[in-house]
PDB file of N, CA and C in Angstrom:
ATOM      1  N   MET A   1     196.384  91.075  33.156  1.00  0.00           N
ATOM      2  CA  MET A   1     196.615  90.320  34.363  1.00  0.00           C
ATOM      3  C   MET A   1     197.372  91.212  35.397  1.00  0.00           C
ATOM      4  N   GLY A   2     196.828  91.159  36.664  1.00  0.00           N
ATOM      5  CA  GLY A   2     197.506  91.971  37.713  1.00  0.00           C
ATOM      6  C   GLY A   2     198.662  91.134  38.262  1.00  0.00           C
ATOM      7  N   THR A   3     199.503  91.891  38.914  1.00  0.00           N
ATOM      8  CA  THR A   3     200.595  91.211  39.529  1.00  0.00           C
ATOM      9  C   THR A   3     200.246  90.671  40.975  1.00  0.00           C
ATOM     10  N   ALA A   4     200.786  89.605  41.400  1.00  0.00           N
ATOM     11  CA  ALA A   4     200.580  89.051  42.676  1.00  0.00           C
ATOM     12  C   ALA A   4     201.193  90.000  43.746  1.00  0.00           C
ATOM     13  N   PRO A   5     200.545  90.122  44.856  1.00  0.00           N
ATOM     14  CA  PRO A   5     201.109  90.978  45.916  1.00  0.00           C
ATOM     15  C   PRO A   5     202.437  90.396  46.439  1.00  0.00           C
ATOM     16  N   THR A   6     203.380  91.248  46.652  1.00  0.00           N
ATOM     17  CA  THR A   6     204.642  90.768  47.154  1.00  0.00           C
ATOM     18  C   THR A   6     204.575  90.363  48.663  1.00  0.00           C
ATOM     19  N   PRO A   7     205.145  89.191  48.968  1.00  0.00           N
ATOM     20  CA  PRO A   7     204.990  88.772  50.352  1.00  0.00           C
ATOM     21  C   PRO A   7     205.839  89.794  51.201  1.00  0.00           C
ATOM     22  N   ILE A   8     205.244  89.973  52.391  1.00  0.00           N
ATOM     23  CA  ILE A   8     205.892  90.925  53.311  1.00  0.00           C
ATOM     24  C   ILE A   8     207.060  90.140  54.028  1.00  0.00           C
ATOM     25  N   LYS A   9     208.203  90.745  54.098  1.00  0.00           N
ATOM     26  CA  LYS A   9     209.374  90.200  54.777  1.00  0.00           C
ATOM     27  C   LYS A   9     209.502  90.887  56.148  1.00  0.00           C
ATOM     28  N   PHE A  10     209.612  90.065  57.144  1.00  0.00           N
ATOM     29  CA  PHE A  10     209.746  90.673  58.501  1.00  0.00           C
ATOM     30  C   PHE A  10     211.129  90.461  58.920  1.00  0.00           C
ATOM     31  N   SER A  11     211.648  91.438  59.606  1.00  0.00           N
ATOM     32  CA  SER A  11     213.051  91.465  60.108  1.00  0.00           C
ATOM     33  C   SER A  11     213.070  90.954  61.631  1.00  0.00           C
ATOM     34  N   ALA A  12     214.265  90.906  62.105  1.00  0.00           N
ATOM     35  CA  ALA A  12     214.462  90.529  63.528  1.00  0.00           C
ATOM     36  C   ALA A  12     213.838  91.582  64.394  1.00  0.00           C
ATOM     37  N   THR A  13     213.748  92.813  63.988  1.00  0.00           N
ATOM     38  CA  THR A  13     213.128  93.842  64.877  1.00  0.00           C
ATOM     39  C   THR A  13     211.618  93.641  65.035  1.00  0.00           C
ATOM     40  N   ASP A  14     210.982  93.044  64.068  1.00  0.00           N
ATOM     41  CA  ASP A  14     209.563  92.708  64.208  1.00  0.00           C
ATOM     42  C   ASP A  14     209.328  91.651  65.291  1.00  0.00           C
ATOM     43  N   PHE A  15     210.227  90.590  65.248  1.00  0.00           N
ATOM     44  CA  PHE A  15     210.148  89.531  66.217  1.00  0.00           C
ATOM     45  C   PHE A  15     210.524  90.016  67.634  1.00  0.00           C
ATOM     46  N   LEU A  16     211.483  90.892  67.615  1.00  0.00           N
ATOM     47  CA  LEU A  16     211.920  91.462  68.983  1.00  0.00           C
ATOM     48  C   LEU A  16     210.819  92.353  69.527  1.00  0.00           C
ATOM     49  N   ALA A  17     210.090  93.132  68.683  1.00  0.00           N
ATOM     50  CA  ALA A  17     208.950  93.873  69.195  1.00  0.00           C
ATOM     51  C   ALA A  17     207.827  92.981  69.689  1.00  0.00           C
ATOM     52  N   ALA A  18     207.681  91.842  69.026  1.00  0.00           N
ATOM     53  CA  ALA A  18     206.686  90.899  69.554  1.00  0.00           C
ATOM     54  C   ALA A  18     207.128  90.311  70.890  1.00  0.00           C
ATOM     55  N   GLU A  19     208.401  90.137  71.078  1.00  0.00           N
ATOM     56  CA  GLU A  19     208.933  89.660  72.293  1.00  0.00           C
ATOM     57  C   GLU A  19     208.743  90.672  73.426  1.00  0.00           C
ATOM     58  N   ARG A  20     208.993  91.955  73.144  1.00  0.00           N
ATOM     59  CA  ARG A  20     208.829  92.962  74.139  1.00  0.00           C
ATOM     60  C   ARG A  20     207.368  93.112  74.514  1.00  0.00           C
ATOM     61  N   ASN A  21     206.488  92.992  73.557  1.00  0.00           N
ATOM     62  CA  ASN A  21     205.038  93.015  73.848  1.00  0.00           C
ATOM     63  C   ASN A  21     204.721  91.844  74.764  1.00  0.00           C
ATOM     64  N   PHE A  22     205.196  90.683  74.471  1.00  0.00           N
ATOM     65  CA  PHE A  22     204.936  89.507  75.254  1.00  0.00           C
ATOM     66  C   PHE A  22     205.401  89.680  76.738  1.00  0.00           C
ATOM     67  N   LEU A  23     206.601  90.266  76.876  1.00  0.00           N
ATOM     68  CA  LEU A  23     207.136  90.561  78.204  1.00  0.00           C
ATOM     69  C   LEU A  23     206.380  91.541  79.015  1.00  0.00           C
ATOM     70  N   ALA A  24     205.801  92.560  78.246  1.00  0.00           N
ATOM     71  CA  ALA A  24     204.967  93.547  78.971  1.00  0.00           C
ATOM     72  C   ALA A  24     203.710  92.896  79.430  1.00  0.00           C
ATOM     73  N   TRP A  25     203.152  91.938  78.714  1.00  0.00           N
ATOM     74  CA  TRP A  25     201.922  91.231  79.160  1.00  0.00           C
ATOM     75  C   TRP A  25     202.238  90.377  80.357  1.00  0.00           C
ATOM     76  N   ILE A  26     203.432  89.716  80.362  1.00  0.00           N
ATOM     77  CA  ILE A  26     203.854  88.915  81.522  1.00  0.00           C
ATOM     78  C   ILE A  26     204.001  89.816  82.814  1.00  0.00           C
ATOM     79  N   ARG A  27     204.596  91.011  82.577  1.00  0.00           N
ATOM     80  CA  ARG A  27     204.759  91.906  83.670  1.00  0.00           C
ATOM     81  C   ARG A  27     203.362  92.357  84.211  1.00  0.00           C
ATOM     82  N   THR A  28     202.460  92.583  83.303  1.00  0.00           N
ATOM     83  CA  THR A  28     201.104  92.942  83.746  1.00  0.00           C
ATOM     84  C   THR A  28     200.439  91.819  84.505  1.00  0.00           C
ATOM     85  N   GLY A  29     200.577  90.595  84.068  1.00  0.00           N
ATOM     86  CA  GLY A  29     200.057  89.479  84.849  1.00  0.00           C
ATOM     87  C   GLY A  29     200.669  89.287  86.172  1.00  0.00           C
ATOM     88  N   LEU A  30     202.000  89.509  86.233  1.00  0.00           N
ATOM     89  CA  LEU A  30     202.669  89.403  87.584  1.00  0.00           C
ATOM     90  C   LEU A  30     202.247  90.538  88.506  1.00  0.00           C
ATOM     91  N   ALA A  31     202.110  91.701  87.987  1.00  0.00           N
ATOM     92  CA  ALA A  31     201.686  92.805  88.773  1.00  0.00           C
ATOM     93  C   ALA A  31     200.235  92.579  89.368  1.00  0.00           C
ATOM     94  N   LEU A  32     199.405  92.013  88.558  1.00  0.00           N
ATOM     95  CA  LEU A  32     197.990  91.693  89.008  1.00  0.00           C
ATOM     96  C   LEU A  32     198.072  90.639  90.075  1.00  0.00           C
ATOM     97  N   MET A  33     198.883  89.656  89.944  1.00  0.00           N
ATOM     98  CA  MET A  33     198.994  88.642  90.925  1.00  0.00           C
ATOM     99  C   MET A  33     199.626  89.201  92.211  1.00  0.00           C
ATOM    100  N   GLY A  34     200.631  90.045  92.104  1.00  0.00           N
ATOM    101  CA  GLY A  34     201.170  90.682  93.311  1.00  0.00           C
ATOM    102  C   GLY A  34     200.270  91.598  93.994  1.00  0.00           C
ATOM    103  N   PHE A  35     199.446  92.424  93.231  1.00  0.00           N
ATOM    104  CA  PHE A  35     198.546  93.255  93.838  1.00  0.00           C
ATOM    105  C   PHE A  35     197.415  92.469  94.545  1.00  0.00           C
ATOM    106  N   GLY A  36     196.970  91.421  93.880  1.00  0.00           N
ATOM    107  CA  GLY A  36     195.969  90.545  94.468  1.00  0.00           C
ATOM    108  C   GLY A  36     196.414  89.884  95.779  1.00  0.00           C
ATOM    109  N   PHE A  37     197.680  89.493  95.810  1.00  0.00           N
ATOM    110  CA  PHE A  37     198.245  88.956  97.088  1.00  0.00           C
ATOM    111  C   PHE A  37     198.259  90.035  98.184  1.00  0.00           C
ATOM    112  N   VAL A  38     198.596  91.216  97.889  1.00  0.00           N
ATOM    113  CA  VAL A  38     198.654  92.273  98.838  1.00  0.00           C
ATOM    114  C   VAL A  38     197.207  92.550  99.399  1.00  0.00           C
ATOM    115  N   VAL A  39     196.244  92.628  98.488  1.00  0.00           N
ATOM    116  CA  VAL A  39     194.866  92.869  98.901  1.00  0.00           C
ATOM    117  C   VAL A  39     194.390  91.724  99.830  1.00  0.00           C
ATOM    118  N   ALA A  40     194.639  90.498  99.461  1.00  0.00           N
ATOM    119  CA  ALA A  40     194.178  89.354 100.231  1.00  0.00           C
ATOM    120  C   ALA A  40     194.881  89.340 101.597  1.00  0.00           C
ATOM    121  N   ARG A  41     196.165  89.634 101.594  1.00  0.00           N
ATOM    122  CA  ARG A  41     196.943  89.581 102.862  1.00  0.00           C
ATOM    123  C   ARG A  41     196.469  90.803 103.771  1.00  0.00           C
ATOM    124  N   PHE A  42     196.071  91.925 103.196  1.00  0.00           N
ATOM    125  CA  PHE A  42     195.610  93.001 104.033  1.00  0.00           C
ATOM    126  C   PHE A  42     194.406  92.625 104.808  1.00  0.00           C
ATOM    127  N   ALA A  43     193.522  91.820 104.192  1.00  0.00           N
ATOM    128  CA  ALA A  43     192.368  91.374 104.955  1.00  0.00           C
ATOM    129  C   ALA A  43     192.752  90.529 106.084  1.00  0.00           C
ATOM    130  N   LEU A  44     193.658  89.627 105.843  1.00  0.00           N
ATOM    131  CA  LEU A  44     194.194  88.769 106.948  1.00  0.00           C
ATOM    132  C   LEU A  44     194.864  89.585 108.034  1.00  0.00           C
ATOM    133  N   PHE A  45     195.556  90.676 107.646  1.00  0.00           N
ATOM    134  CA  PHE A  45     196.209  91.555 108.643  1.00  0.00           C
ATOM    135  C   PHE A  45     195.149  92.231 109.521  1.00  0.00           C
ATOM    136  N   LEU A  46     194.040  92.744 108.824  1.00  0.00           N
ATOM    137  CA  LEU A  46     192.989  93.383 109.547  1.00  0.00           C
ATOM    138  C   LEU A  46     192.275  92.391 110.571  1.00  0.00           C
ATOM    139  N   GLN A  47     192.165  91.147 110.154  1.00  0.00           N
ATOM    140  CA  GLN A  47     191.598  90.175 111.053  1.00  0.00           C
ATOM    141  C   GLN A  47     192.470  89.930 112.276  1.00  0.00           C
ATOM    142  N   GLU A  48     193.731  89.896 112.086  1.00  0.00           N
ATOM    143  CA  GLU A  48     194.699  89.717 113.198  1.00  0.00           C
ATOM    144  C   GLU A  48     194.603  90.901 114.141  1.00  0.00           C
ATOM    145  N   ILE A  49     194.482  92.124 113.621  1.00  0.00           N
ATOM    146  CA  ILE A  49     194.341  93.276 114.456  1.00  0.00           C
ATOM    147  C   ILE A  49     193.039  93.204 115.275  1.00  0.00           C
ATOM    148  N   ARG A  50     191.980  92.722 114.617  1.00  0.00           N
ATOM    149  CA  ARG A  50     190.687  92.606 115.346  1.00  0.00           C
ATOM    150  C   ARG A  50     190.793  91.581 116.498  1.00  0.00           C
ATOM    151  N   LEU A  51     191.573  90.521 116.256  1.00  0.00           N
ATOM    152  CA  LEU A  51     191.724  89.528 117.306  1.00  0.00           C
ATOM    153  C   LEU A  51     192.537  90.002 118.440  1.00  0.00           C
ATOM    154  N   ALA A  52     193.554  90.853 118.108  1.00  0.00           N
ATOM    155  CA  ALA A  52     194.411  91.403 119.113  1.00  0.00           C
ATOM    156  C   ALA A  52     193.699  92.556 119.911  1.00  0.00           C
ATOM    157  N   GLU A  53     192.857  93.320 119.236  1.00  0.00           N
ATOM    158  CA  GLU A  53     192.109  94.438 119.869  1.00  0.00           C
ATOM    159  C   GLU A  53     190.643  94.267 119.618  1.00  0.00           C
ATOM    160  N   PRO A  54     189.969  93.488 120.402  1.00  0.00           N
ATOM    161  CA  PRO A  54     188.528  93.188 120.186  1.00  0.00           C
ATOM    162  C   PRO A  54     187.648  94.392 120.268  1.00  0.00           C
ATOM    163  N   GLN A  55     188.083  95.420 121.000  1.00  0.00           N
ATOM    164  CA  GLN A  55     187.193  96.581 121.142  1.00  0.00           C
ATOM    165  C   GLN A  55     187.143  97.381 119.813  1.00  0.00           C
ATOM    166  N   LEU A  56     187.863  97.125 118.842  1.00  0.00           N
ATOM    167  CA  LEU A  56     187.806  97.762 117.528  1.00  0.00           C
ATOM    168  C   LEU A  56     186.553  97.495 116.749  1.00  0.00           C
ATOM    169  N   GLY A  57     185.851  96.426 117.039  1.00  0.00           N
ATOM    170  CA  GLY A  57     184.629  96.106 116.375  1.00  0.00           C
ATOM    171  C   GLY A  57     184.698  94.754 115.649  1.00  0.00           C
ATOM    172  N   THR A  58     183.607  94.353 115.128  1.00  0.00           N
ATOM    173  CA  THR A  58     183.572  93.002 114.529  1.00  0.00           C
ATOM    174  C   THR A  58     183.210  93.124 113.010  1.00  0.00           C
ATOM    175  N   ARG A  59     183.915  94.031 112.325  1.00  0.00           N
ATOM    176  CA  ARG A  59     183.637  94.184 110.899  1.00  0.00           C
ATOM    177  C   ARG A  59     184.290  93.025 110.177  1.00  0.00           C
ATOM    178  N   SER A  60     183.607  92.595 109.146  1.00  0.00           N
ATOM    179  CA  SER A  60     184.168  91.486 108.275  1.00  0.00           C
ATOM    180  C   SER A  60     184.920  92.073 107.073  1.00  0.00           C
ATOM    181  N   TYR A  61     186.120  91.494 106.854  1.00  0.00           N
ATOM    182  CA  TYR A  61     186.922  91.929 105.794  1.00  0.00           C
ATOM    183  C   TYR A  61     187.139  90.807 104.709  1.00  0.00           C
ATOM    184  N   GLY A  62     186.183  89.876 104.669  1.00  0.00           N
ATOM    185  CA  GLY A  62     186.246  88.813 103.761  1.00  0.00           C
ATOM    186  C   GLY A  62     186.115  89.189 102.274  1.00  0.00           C
ATOM    187  N   VAL A  63     185.567  90.360 102.054  1.00  0.00           N
ATOM    188  CA  VAL A  63     185.495  90.779 100.610  1.00  0.00           C
ATOM    189  C   VAL A  63     186.862  91.072  99.971  1.00  0.00           C
ATOM    190  N   SER A  64     187.783  91.587 100.750  1.00  0.00           N
ATOM    191  CA  SER A  64     189.086  91.850 100.187  1.00  0.00           C
ATOM    192  C   SER A  64     189.860  90.559  99.911  1.00  0.00           C
ATOM    193  N   ILE A  65     189.562  89.527 100.685  1.00  0.00           N
ATOM    194  CA  ILE A  65     190.199  88.180 100.388  1.00  0.00           C
ATOM    195  C   ILE A  65     189.696  87.707  98.986  1.00  0.00           C
ATOM    196  N   TRP A  66     188.382  87.878  98.755  1.00  0.00           N
ATOM    197  CA  TRP A  66     187.845  87.480  97.451  1.00  0.00           C
ATOM    198  C   TRP A  66     188.335  88.391  96.329  1.00  0.00           C
ATOM    199  N   PHE A  67     188.428  89.631  96.568  1.00  0.00           N
ATOM    200  CA  PHE A  67     188.996  90.569  95.547  1.00  0.00           C
ATOM    201  C   PHE A  67     190.472  90.193  95.308  1.00  0.00           C
ATOM    202  N   GLY A  68     191.234  89.939  96.294  1.00  0.00           N
ATOM    203  CA  GLY A  68     192.604  89.550  96.116  1.00  0.00           C
ATOM    204  C   GLY A  68     192.740  88.288  95.326  1.00  0.00           C
ATOM    205  N   THR A  69     191.960  87.265  95.717  1.00  0.00           N
ATOM    206  CA  THR A  69     191.997  85.986  94.989  1.00  0.00           C
ATOM    207  C   THR A  69     191.558  86.191  93.556  1.00  0.00           C
ATOM    208  N   ALA A  70     190.538  87.023  93.320  1.00  0.00           N
ATOM    209  CA  ALA A  70     190.145  87.318  91.911  1.00  0.00           C
ATOM    210  C   ALA A  70     191.215  87.947  91.112  1.00  0.00           C
ATOM    211  N   MET A  71     191.951  88.884  91.741  1.00  0.00           N
ATOM    212  CA  MET A  71     193.058  89.529  91.023  1.00  0.00           C
ATOM    213  C   MET A  71     194.199  88.636  90.722  1.00  0.00           C
ATOM    214  N   ILE A  72     194.522  87.655  91.640  1.00  0.00           N
ATOM    215  CA  ILE A  72     195.513  86.633  91.368  1.00  0.00           C
ATOM    216  C   ILE A  72     195.065  85.754  90.229  1.00  0.00           C
ATOM    217  N   ALA A  73     193.798  85.399  90.219  1.00  0.00           N
ATOM    218  CA  ALA A  73     193.315  84.517  89.122  1.00  0.00           C
ATOM    219  C   ALA A  73     193.345  85.318  87.819  1.00  0.00           C
ATOM    220  N   LEU A  74     192.983  86.574  87.785  1.00  0.00           N
ATOM    221  CA  LEU A  74     193.061  87.365  86.613  1.00  0.00           C
ATOM    222  C   LEU A  74     194.538  87.434  86.082  1.00  0.00           C
ATOM    223  N   GLY A  75     195.425  87.595  86.998  1.00  0.00           N
ATOM    224  CA  GLY A  75     196.849  87.596  86.584  1.00  0.00           C
ATOM    225  C   GLY A  75     197.257  86.277  85.916  1.00  0.00           C
ATOM    226  N   VAL A  76     196.743  85.194  86.428  1.00  0.00           N
ATOM    227  CA  VAL A  76     197.081  83.881  85.822  1.00  0.00           C
ATOM    228  C   VAL A  76     196.510  83.818  84.386  1.00  0.00           C
ATOM    229  N   VAL A  77     195.221  84.224  84.263  1.00  0.00           N
ATOM    230  CA  VAL A  77     194.556  84.243  82.973  1.00  0.00           C
ATOM    231  C   VAL A  77     195.269  85.120  81.955  1.00  0.00           C
ATOM    232  N   VAL A  78     195.709  86.300  82.435  1.00  0.00           N
ATOM    233  CA  VAL A  78     196.464  87.215  81.573  1.00  0.00           C
ATOM    234  C   VAL A  78     197.746  86.541  81.069  1.00  0.00           C
ATOM    235  N   ASN A  79     198.473  85.914  81.962  1.00  0.00           N
ATOM    236  CA  ASN A  79     199.706  85.230  81.541  1.00  0.00           C
ATOM    237  C   ASN A  79     199.470  84.083  80.557  1.00  0.00           C
ATOM    238  N   ILE A  80     198.429  83.264  80.794  1.00  0.00           N
ATOM    239  CA  ILE A  80     198.036  82.249  79.882  1.00  0.00           C
ATOM    240  C   ILE A  80     197.723  82.844  78.470  1.00  0.00           C
ATOM    241  N   TYR A  81     196.803  83.894  78.500  1.00  0.00           N
ATOM    242  CA  TYR A  81     196.407  84.540  77.281  1.00  0.00           C
ATOM    243  C   TYR A  81     197.612  85.118  76.585  1.00  0.00           C
ATOM    244  N   ALA A  82     198.549  85.715  77.262  1.00  0.00           N
ATOM    245  CA  ALA A  82     199.701  86.362  76.667  1.00  0.00           C
ATOM    246  C   ALA A  82     200.577  85.309  75.969  1.00  0.00           C
ATOM    247  N   SER A  83     200.775  84.132  76.580  1.00  0.00           N
ATOM    248  CA  SER A  83     201.499  83.034  76.006  1.00  0.00           C
ATOM    249  C   SER A  83     200.914  82.552  74.711  1.00  0.00           C
ATOM    250  N   TRP A  84     199.594  82.355  74.793  1.00  0.00           N
ATOM    251  CA  TRP A  84     198.867  81.853  73.612  1.00  0.00           C
ATOM    252  C   TRP A  84     198.927  82.889  72.490  1.00  0.00           C
ATOM    253  N   ARG A  85     198.759  84.141  72.856  1.00  0.00           N
ATOM    254  CA  ARG A  85     198.683  85.241  71.803  1.00  0.00           C
ATOM    255  C   ARG A  85     200.073  85.372  71.189  1.00  0.00           C
ATOM    256  N   HIS A  86     201.167  85.241  72.039  1.00  0.00           N
ATOM    257  CA  HIS A  86     202.491  85.392  71.519  1.00  0.00           C
ATOM    258  C   HIS A  86     202.836  84.288  70.497  1.00  0.00           C
ATOM    259  N   VAL A  87     202.459  83.079  70.838  1.00  0.00           N
ATOM    260  CA  VAL A  87     202.691  81.998  69.860  1.00  0.00           C
ATOM    261  C   VAL A  87     201.940  82.222  68.583  1.00  0.00           C
ATOM    262  N   GLN A  88     200.700  82.681  68.624  1.00  0.00           N
ATOM    263  CA  GLN A  88     199.907  83.013  67.488  1.00  0.00           C
ATOM    264  C   GLN A  88     200.525  84.052  66.630  1.00  0.00           C
ATOM    265  N   LEU A  89     201.033  85.140  67.280  1.00  0.00           N
ATOM    266  CA  LEU A  89     201.624  86.228  66.586  1.00  0.00           C
ATOM    267  C   LEU A  89     202.971  85.846  65.884  1.00  0.00           C
ATOM    268  N   VAL A  90     203.758  85.086  66.543  1.00  0.00           N
ATOM    269  CA  VAL A  90     205.047  84.615  65.907  1.00  0.00           C
ATOM    270  C   VAL A  90     204.704  83.690  64.694  1.00  0.00           C
ATOM    271  N   ARG A  91     203.735  82.831  64.811  1.00  0.00           N
ATOM    272  CA  ARG A  91     203.335  81.996  63.631  1.00  0.00           C
ATOM    273  C   ARG A  91     202.870  82.853  62.507  1.00  0.00           C
ATOM    274  N   GLU A  92     202.049  83.909  62.802  1.00  0.00           N
ATOM    275  CA  GLU A  92     201.582  84.806  61.786  1.00  0.00           C
ATOM    276  C   GLU A  92     202.754  85.628  61.176  1.00  0.00           C
ATOM    277  N   LEU A  93     203.763  86.043  61.932  1.00  0.00           N
ATOM    278  CA  LEU A  93     204.887  86.723  61.333  1.00  0.00           C
ATOM    279  C   LEU A  93     205.707  85.763  60.422  1.00  0.00           C
ATOM    280  N   ASN A  94     205.875  84.486  60.908  1.00  0.00           N
ATOM    281  CA  ASN A  94     206.561  83.514  60.077  1.00  0.00           C
ATOM    282  C   ASN A  94     205.860  83.197  58.756  1.00  0.00           C
ATOM    283  N   ARG A  95     204.530  83.310  58.766  1.00  0.00           N
ATOM    284  CA  ARG A  95     203.759  83.113  57.518  1.00  0.00           C
ATOM    285  C   ARG A  95     203.819  84.271  56.563  1.00  0.00           C
ATOM    286  N   GLY A  96     204.176  85.464  57.162  1.00  0.00           N
ATOM    287  CA  GLY A  96     204.148  86.721  56.364  1.00  0.00           C
ATOM    288  C   GLY A  96     202.825  87.377  56.442  1.00  0.00           C
ATOM    289  N   GLY A  97     201.955  86.971  57.302  1.00  0.00           N
ATOM    290  CA  GLY A  97     200.636  87.515  57.320  1.00  0.00           C
ATOM    291  C   GLY A  97     200.637  88.864  58.087  1.00  0.00           C
ATOM    292  N   THR A  98     199.483  89.562  57.974  1.00  0.00           N
ATOM    293  CA  THR A  98     199.322  90.835  58.648  1.00  0.00           C
ATOM    294  C   THR A  98     198.069  90.854  59.521  1.00  0.00           C
ATOM    295  N   GLU A  99     197.644  89.723  59.961  1.00  0.00           N
ATOM    296  CA  GLU A  99     196.400  89.650  60.837  1.00  0.00           C
ATOM    297  C   GLU A  99     196.647  90.429  62.136  1.00  0.00           C
ATOM    298  N   PHE A 100     197.899  90.538  62.526  1.00  0.00           N
ATOM    299  CA  PHE A 100     198.238  91.116  63.859  1.00  0.00           C
ATOM    300  C   PHE A 100     198.028  92.638  63.911  1.00  0.00           C
ATOM    301  N   THR A 101     197.628  93.280  62.828  1.00  0.00           N
ATOM    302  CA  THR A 101     197.468  94.678  62.840  1.00  0.00           C
ATOM    303  C   THR A 101     196.175  95.215  63.387  1.00  0.00           C
ATOM    304  N   LYS A 102     195.278  94.311  63.703  1.00  0.00           N
ATOM    305  CA  LYS A 102     194.004  94.719  64.331  1.00  0.00           C
ATOM    306  C   LYS A 102     194.180  94.938  65.849  1.00  0.00           C
ATOM    307  N   PRO A 103     193.279  95.670  66.515  1.00  0.00           N
ATOM    308  CA  PRO A 103     193.339  95.974  67.973  1.00  0.00           C
ATOM    309  C   PRO A 103     193.427  94.673  68.770  1.00  0.00           C
ATOM    310  N   SER A 104     194.085  94.735  69.862  1.00  0.00           N
ATOM    311  CA  SER A 104     194.202  93.565  70.813  1.00  0.00           C
ATOM    312  C   SER A 104     192.984  93.391  71.621  1.00  0.00           C
ATOM    313  N   PHE A 105     192.257  92.400  71.456  1.00  0.00           N
ATOM    314  CA  PHE A 105     191.051  92.137  72.235  1.00  0.00           C
ATOM    315  C   PHE A 105     191.455  91.882  73.685  1.00  0.00           C
ATOM    316  N   GLY A 106     192.563  91.204  73.911  1.00  0.00           N
ATOM    317  CA  GLY A 106     193.055  90.882  75.256  1.00  0.00           C
ATOM    318  C   GLY A 106     193.281  92.142  76.093  1.00  0.00           C
ATOM    319  N   ALA A 107     193.983  93.081  75.429  1.00  0.00           N
ATOM    320  CA  ALA A 107     194.275  94.386  76.175  1.00  0.00           C
ATOM    321  C   ALA A 107     193.038  95.107  76.510  1.00  0.00           C
ATOM    322  N   LEU A 108     192.101  95.154  75.605  1.00  0.00           N
ATOM    323  CA  LEU A 108     190.846  95.820  75.855  1.00  0.00           C
ATOM    324  C   LEU A 108     190.050  95.141  77.000  1.00  0.00           C
ATOM    325  N   ALA A 109     189.994  93.862  76.984  1.00  0.00           N
ATOM    326  CA  ALA A 109     189.318  93.013  77.969  1.00  0.00           C
ATOM    327  C   ALA A 109     189.952  93.255  79.355  1.00  0.00           C
ATOM    328  N   VAL A 110     191.290  93.156  79.450  1.00  0.00           N
ATOM    329  CA  VAL A 110     191.928  93.357  80.700  1.00  0.00           C
ATOM    330  C   VAL A 110     191.700  94.807  81.271  1.00  0.00           C
ATOM    331  N   ALA A 111     191.750  95.747  80.304  1.00  0.00           N
ATOM    332  CA  ALA A 111     191.519  97.151  80.789  1.00  0.00           C
ATOM    333  C   ALA A 111     190.035  97.342  81.337  1.00  0.00           C
ATOM    334  N   LEU A 112     189.108  96.788  80.648  1.00  0.00           N
ATOM    335  CA  LEU A 112     187.711  96.863  81.150  1.00  0.00           C
ATOM    336  C   LEU A 112     187.481  96.101  82.402  1.00  0.00           C
ATOM    337  N   ILE A 113     188.063  95.004  82.550  1.00  0.00           N
ATOM    338  CA  ILE A 113     187.920  94.174  83.761  1.00  0.00           C
ATOM    339  C   ILE A 113     188.543  94.955  84.955  1.00  0.00           C
ATOM    340  N   LEU A 114     189.776  95.507  84.739  1.00  0.00           N
ATOM    341  CA  LEU A 114     190.450  96.210  85.810  1.00  0.00           C
ATOM    342  C   LEU A 114     189.692  97.527  86.163  1.00  0.00           C
ATOM    343  N   ALA A 115     189.096  98.187  85.136  1.00  0.00           N
ATOM    344  CA  ALA A 115     188.263  99.344  85.475  1.00  0.00           C
ATOM    345  C   ALA A 115     187.134  98.963  86.316  1.00  0.00           C
ATOM    346  N   ALA A 116     186.507  97.872  85.992  1.00  0.00           N
ATOM    347  CA  ALA A 116     185.251  97.376  86.777  1.00  0.00           C
ATOM    348  C   ALA A 116     185.687  97.003  88.152  1.00  0.00           C
ATOM    349  N   VAL A 117     186.808  96.314  88.365  1.00  0.00           N
ATOM    350  CA  VAL A 117     187.307  95.931  89.681  1.00  0.00           C
ATOM    351  C   VAL A 117     187.663  97.156  90.483  1.00  0.00           C
ATOM    352  N   GLY A 118     188.350  98.132  89.864  1.00  0.00           N
ATOM    353  CA  GLY A 118     188.684  99.306  90.485  1.00  0.00           C
ATOM    354  C   GLY A 118     187.471 100.133  90.983  1.00  0.00           C
ATOM    355  N   LEU A 119     186.495 100.187  90.156  1.00  0.00           N
ATOM    356  CA  LEU A 119     185.285 100.899  90.507  1.00  0.00           C
ATOM    357  C   LEU A 119     184.520 100.227  91.616  1.00  0.00           C
ATOM    358  N   THR A 120     184.524  98.913  91.579  1.00  0.00           N
ATOM    359  CA  THR A 120     183.879  98.083  92.673  1.00  0.00           C
ATOM    360  C   THR A 120     184.618  98.290  93.986  1.00  0.00           C
ATOM    361  N   MET A 121     185.939  98.192  93.974  1.00  0.00           N
ATOM    362  CA  MET A 121     186.726  98.440  95.111  1.00  0.00           C
ATOM    363  C   MET A 121     186.532  99.855  95.721  1.00  0.00           C
ATOM    364  N   ALA A 122     186.508 100.800  94.828  1.00  0.00           N
ATOM    365  CA  ALA A 122     186.262 102.203  95.343  1.00  0.00           C
ATOM    366  C   ALA A 122     184.891 102.330  96.042  1.00  0.00           C
ATOM    367  N   ILE A 123     183.857 101.752  95.392  1.00  0.00           N
ATOM    368  CA  ILE A 123     182.538 101.777  96.019  1.00  0.00           C
ATOM    369  C   ILE A 123     182.508 101.112  97.366  1.00  0.00           C
ATOM    370  N   TYR A 124     183.286  99.884  97.416  1.00  0.00           N
ATOM    371  CA  TYR A 124     183.315  99.133  98.691  1.00  0.00           C
ATOM    372  C   TYR A 124     184.004  99.960  99.780  1.00  0.00           C
ATOM    373  N   LEU A 125     185.101 100.632  99.384  1.00  0.00           N
ATOM    374  CA  LEU A 125     185.868 101.416 100.369  1.00  0.00           C
ATOM    375  C   LEU A 125     185.087 102.637 100.895  1.00  0.00           C
ATOM    376  N   ILE A 126     184.272 103.227 100.005  1.00  0.00           N
ATOM    377  CA  ILE A 126     183.463 104.336 100.415  1.00  0.00           C
ATOM    378  C   ILE A 126     182.310 103.862 101.317  1.00  0.00           C
ATOM    379  N   SER A 127     181.724 102.752 101.065  1.00  0.00           N
ATOM    380  CA  SER A 127     180.635 102.212 101.827  1.00  0.00           C
ATOM    381  C   SER A 127     181.058 101.608 103.194  1.00  0.00           C
ATOM    382  N   VAL A 128     182.247 101.300 103.377  1.00  0.00           N
ATOM    383  CA  VAL A 128     182.732 100.713 104.670  1.00  0.00           C
ATOM    384  C   VAL A 128     183.164 101.764 105.584  1.00  0.00           C
TER     385      VAL A 128
END
């Protein structure tokens, strides 16, 4: 007969590491929301300049308002996901499980979405 695996004991440092990870996700979400706000406000700023100086042209900057709003929404989604994932992780640590050792789907998804948004914004800026 084999011996049963010994349950893994987690220390306070493991929980503190989970807390630091959660706070990093929150900072990421806040940065996305802040950047989105700046992008959206920049479009409004350009519209005000166009109203003050009509000879500058009638170019539309509505796309940056949508990009900014999308970035704010992405920041909200990141913060909600971070909260949900943190609760899951702490429960897993309390049970002594090791499910948390696999790669973070959320981090990969956010990285890919931000890469796509950055590429789209670069193409937009080059074309305008």
